[in-house]
Amino acid sequence: MIPAERIRGHSSKPRLDNRVLYLAMIAAFIGVTLFAVYMFFLFNE
């Protein structure tokens, strides 16, 4: 019931959800980038 209420209430707060999703995507992108750089330097030596 909670997910259904979240989907229904999604239209009432589109700005907040979009901001959280945007920050989550940025955090994931930074994490993957740092991991790739770390692995690159690890195997480069």
PDB file of N, CA and C in Angstrom:
ATOM      1  N   MET A   1       0.845  -1.201   0.000  1.00  0.00           N
ATOM      2  CA  MET A   1       0.000   0.000   0.000  1.00  0.00           C
ATOM      3  C   MET A   1       0.885   1.257   0.000  1.00  0.00           C
ATOM      4  N   ILE A   2       2.032   1.171   0.636  1.00  0.00           N
ATOM      5  CA  ILE A   2       2.911   2.344   0.684  1.00  0.00           C
ATOM      6  C   ILE A   2       3.434   2.722  -0.713  1.00  0.00           C
ATOM      7  N   PRO A   3       3.910   1.731  -1.515  1.00  0.00           N
ATOM      8  CA  PRO A   3       4.390   2.085  -2.863  1.00  0.00           C
ATOM      9  C   PRO A   3       3.277   2.694  -3.707  1.00  0.00           C
ATOM     10  N   ALA A   4       2.041   2.170  -3.584  1.00  0.00           N
ATOM     11  CA  ALA A   4       0.920   2.701  -4.364  1.00  0.00           C
ATOM     12  C   ALA A   4       0.652   4.153  -3.960  1.00  0.00           C
ATOM     13  N   GLU A   5       0.709   4.435  -2.663  1.00  0.00           N
ATOM     14  CA  GLU A   5       0.483   5.811  -2.203  1.00  0.00           C
ATOM     15  C   GLU A   5       1.627   6.702  -2.692  1.00  0.00           C
ATOM     16  N   ARG A   6       2.825   6.162  -2.733  1.00  0.00           N
ATOM     17  CA  ARG A   6       3.972   6.936  -3.216  1.00  0.00           C
ATOM     18  C   ARG A   6       3.767   7.282  -4.688  1.00  0.00           C
ATOM     19  N   ILE A   7       3.310   6.309  -5.490  1.00  0.00           N
ATOM     20  CA  ILE A   7       3.097   6.573  -6.921  1.00  0.00           C
ATOM     21  C   ILE A   7       1.989   7.618  -7.102  1.00  0.00           C
ATOM     22  N   ARG A   8       0.925   7.504  -6.302  1.00  0.00           N
ATOM     23  CA  ARG A   8      -0.167   8.482  -6.423  1.00  0.00           C
ATOM     24  C   ARG A   8       0.301   9.861  -5.971  1.00  0.00           C
ATOM     25  N   GLY A   9       1.095   9.906  -4.899  1.00  0.00           N
ATOM     26  CA  GLY A   9       1.566  11.195  -4.393  1.00  0.00           C
ATOM     27  C   GLY A   9       2.758  11.725  -5.171  1.00  0.00           C
ATOM     28  N   HIS A  10       3.228  10.931  -6.146  1.00  0.00           N
ATOM     29  CA  HIS A  10       4.375  11.360  -6.949  1.00  0.00           C
ATOM     30  C   HIS A  10       4.033  12.612  -7.747  1.00  0.00           C
ATOM     31  N   SER A  11       2.794  12.718  -8.197  1.00  0.00           N
ATOM     32  CA  SER A  11       2.386  13.869  -9.006  1.00  0.00           C
ATOM     33  C   SER A  11       2.319  15.136  -8.147  1.00  0.00           C
ATOM     34  N   SER A  12       2.139  14.983  -6.835  1.00  0.00           N
ATOM     35  CA  SER A  12       2.026  16.160  -5.974  1.00  0.00           C
ATOM     36  C   SER A  12       3.402  16.727  -5.636  1.00  0.00           C
ATOM     37  N   LYS A  13       4.450  15.888  -5.691  1.00  0.00           N
ATOM     38  CA  LYS A  13       5.804  16.368  -5.393  1.00  0.00           C
ATOM     39  C   LYS A  13       6.772  15.934  -6.494  1.00  0.00           C
ATOM     40  N   PRO A  14       6.637  16.463  -7.700  1.00  0.00           N
ATOM     41  CA  PRO A  14       7.534  16.060  -8.781  1.00  0.00           C
ATOM     42  C   PRO A  14       8.920  16.685  -8.649  1.00  0.00           C
ATOM     43  N   ARG A  15       8.956  17.907  -8.091  1.00  0.00           N
ATOM     44  CA  ARG A  15      10.229  18.611  -7.976  1.00  0.00           C
ATOM     45  C   ARG A  15      11.164  17.887  -7.004  1.00  0.00           C
ATOM     46  N   LEU A  16      10.663  17.525  -5.850  1.00  0.00           N
ATOM     47  CA  LEU A  16      11.500  16.876  -4.835  1.00  0.00           C
ATOM     48  C   LEU A  16      12.018  15.530  -5.343  1.00  0.00           C
ATOM     49  N   ASP A  17      11.126  14.735  -5.955  1.00  0.00           N
ATOM     50  CA  ASP A  17      11.537  13.420  -6.451  1.00  0.00           C
ATOM     51  C   ASP A  17      12.579  13.559  -7.561  1.00  0.00           C
ATOM     52  N   ASN A  18      12.375  14.520  -8.458  1.00  0.00           N
ATOM     53  CA  ASN A  18      13.337  14.719  -9.546  1.00  0.00           C
ATOM     54  C   ASN A  18      14.693  15.145  -8.989  1.00  0.00           C
ATOM     55  N   ARG A  19      14.670  15.982  -7.957  1.00  0.00           N
ATOM     56  CA  ARG A  19      15.930  16.435  -7.361  1.00  0.00           C
ATOM     57  C   ARG A  19      16.663  15.272  -6.714  1.00  0.00           C
ATOM     58  N   VAL A  20      15.929  14.431  -5.986  1.00  0.00           N
ATOM     59  CA  VAL A  20      16.552  13.273  -5.323  1.00  0.00           C
ATOM     60  C   VAL A  20      17.099  12.314  -6.377  1.00  0.00           C
ATOM     61  N   LEU A  21      16.337  12.084  -7.440  1.00  0.00           N
ATOM     62  CA  LEU A  21      16.792  11.180  -8.512  1.00  0.00           C
ATOM     63  C   LEU A  21      18.029  11.760  -9.188  1.00  0.00           C
ATOM     64  N   TYR A  22      18.037  13.071  -9.400  1.00  0.00           N
ATOM     65  CA  TYR A  22      19.181  13.729 -10.035  1.00  0.00           C
ATOM     66  C   TYR A  22      20.432  13.586  -9.168  1.00  0.00           C
ATOM     67  N   LEU A  23      20.283  13.834  -7.859  1.00  0.00           N
ATOM     68  CA  LEU A  23      21.426  13.699  -6.951  1.00  0.00           C
ATOM     69  C   LEU A  23      21.898  12.253  -6.892  1.00  0.00           C
ATOM     70  N   ALA A  24      20.964  11.299  -6.918  1.00  0.00           N
ATOM     71  CA  ALA A  24      21.334   9.875  -6.871  1.00  0.00           C
ATOM     72  C   ALA A  24      22.128   9.499  -8.125  1.00  0.00           C
ATOM     73  N   MET A  25      21.707  10.023  -9.274  1.00  0.00           N
ATOM     74  CA  MET A  25      22.425   9.720 -10.520  1.00  0.00           C
ATOM     75  C   MET A  25      23.831  10.322 -10.492  1.00  0.00           C
ATOM     76  N   ILE A  26      23.951  11.540  -9.959  1.00  0.00           N
ATOM     77  CA  ILE A  26      25.268  12.184  -9.865  1.00  0.00           C
ATOM     78  C   ILE A  26      26.167  11.397  -8.915  1.00  0.00           C
ATOM     79  N   ALA A  27      25.624  10.991  -7.771  1.00  0.00           N
ATOM     80  CA  ALA A  27      26.409  10.233  -6.787  1.00  0.00           C
ATOM     81  C   ALA A  27      26.880   8.913  -7.391  1.00  0.00           C
ATOM     82  N   ALA A  28      25.991   8.233  -8.133  1.00  0.00           N
ATOM     83  CA  ALA A  28      26.362   6.956  -8.746  1.00  0.00           C
ATOM     84  C   ALA A  28      27.434   7.174  -9.818  1.00  0.00           C
ATOM     85  N   PHE A  29      27.290   8.239 -10.611  1.00  0.00           N
ATOM     86  CA  PHE A  29      28.264   8.528 -11.661  1.00  0.00           C
ATOM     87  C   PHE A  29      29.640   8.826 -11.063  1.00  0.00           C
ATOM     88  N   ILE A  30      29.665   9.626  -9.989  1.00  0.00           N
ATOM     89  CA  ILE A  30      30.933   9.962  -9.330  1.00  0.00           C
ATOM     90  C   ILE A  30      31.558   8.698  -8.736  1.00  0.00           C
ATOM     91  N   GLY A  31      30.723   7.859  -8.113  1.00  0.00           N
ATOM     92  CA  GLY A  31      31.232   6.626  -7.509  1.00  0.00           C
ATOM     93  C   GLY A  31      31.850   5.711  -8.556  1.00  0.00           C
ATOM     94  N   VAL A  32      31.177   5.548  -9.680  1.00  0.00           N
ATOM     95  CA  VAL A  32      31.697   4.676 -10.748  1.00  0.00           C
ATOM     96  C   VAL A  32      32.976   5.272 -11.336  1.00  0.00           C
ATOM     97  N   THR A  33      33.006   6.587 -11.491  1.00  0.00           N
ATOM     98  CA  THR A  33      34.190   7.240 -12.050  1.00  0.00           C
ATOM     99  C   THR A  33      35.393   7.077 -11.122  1.00  0.00           C
ATOM    100  N   LEU A  34      35.189   7.315  -9.829  1.00  0.00           N
ATOM    101  CA  LEU A  34      36.288   7.164  -8.872  1.00  0.00           C
ATOM    102  C   LEU A  34      36.771   5.716  -8.836  1.00  0.00           C
ATOM    103  N   PHE A  35      35.832   4.775  -8.910  1.00  0.00           N
ATOM    104  CA  PHE A  35      36.204   3.350  -8.900  1.00  0.00           C
ATOM    105  C   PHE A  35      37.024   3.007 -10.139  1.00  0.00           C
ATOM    106  N   ALA A  36      36.615   3.546 -11.299  1.00  0.00           N
ATOM    107  CA  ALA A  36      37.351   3.268 -12.540  1.00  0.00           C
ATOM    108  C   ALA A  36      38.759   3.853 -12.470  1.00  0.00           C
ATOM    109  N   VAL A  37      38.876   5.076 -11.956  1.00  0.00           N
ATOM    110  CA  VAL A  37      40.196   5.708 -11.820  1.00  0.00           C
ATOM    111  C   VAL A  37      41.059   4.911 -10.846  1.00  0.00           C
ATOM    112  N   TYR A  38      40.463   4.460  -9.744  1.00  0.00           N
ATOM    113  CA  TYR A  38      41.207   3.671  -8.756  1.00  0.00           C
ATOM    114  C   TYR A  38      41.720   2.370  -9.370  1.00  0.00           C
ATOM    115  N   MET A  39      40.862   1.676 -10.104  1.00  0.00           N
ATOM    116  CA  MET A  39      41.268   0.425 -10.733  1.00  0.00           C
ATOM    117  C   MET A  39      42.327   0.683 -11.802  1.00  0.00           C
ATOM    118  N   PHE A  40      42.200   1.804 -12.531  1.00  0.00           N
ATOM    119  CA  PHE A  40      43.178   2.133 -13.568  1.00  0.00           C
ATOM    120  C   PHE A  40      44.564   2.312 -12.957  1.00  0.00           C
ATOM    121  N   PHE A  41      44.660   3.096 -11.875  1.00  0.00           N
ATOM    122  CA  PHE A  41      45.954   3.308 -11.232  1.00  0.00           C
ATOM    123  C   PHE A  41      46.451   2.029 -10.574  1.00  0.00           C
ATOM    124  N   LEU A  42      45.526   1.200 -10.083  1.00  0.00           N
ATOM    125  CA  LEU A  42      45.923  -0.054  -9.421  1.00  0.00           C
ATOM    126  C   LEU A  42      46.578  -0.989 -10.430  1.00  0.00           C
ATOM    127  N   PHE A  43      45.999  -1.104 -11.633  1.00  0.00           N
ATOM    128  CA  PHE A  43      46.556  -2.006 -12.647  1.00  0.00           C
ATOM    129  C   PHE A  43      47.687  -1.341 -13.440  1.00  0.00           C
ATOM    130  N   ASN A  44      47.748  -0.019 -13.382  1.00  0.00           N
ATOM    131  CA  ASN A  44      48.789   0.690 -14.130  1.00  0.00           C
ATOM    132  C   ASN A  44      50.157   0.448 -13.501  1.00  0.00           C
ATOM    133  N   GLU A  45      50.194   0.255 -12.190  1.00  0.00           N
ATOM    134  CA  GLU A  45      51.461  -0.022 -11.519  1.00  0.00           C
ATOM    135  C   GLU A  45      51.795  -1.486 -11.699  1.00  0.00           C
TER     136      GLU A  45
END
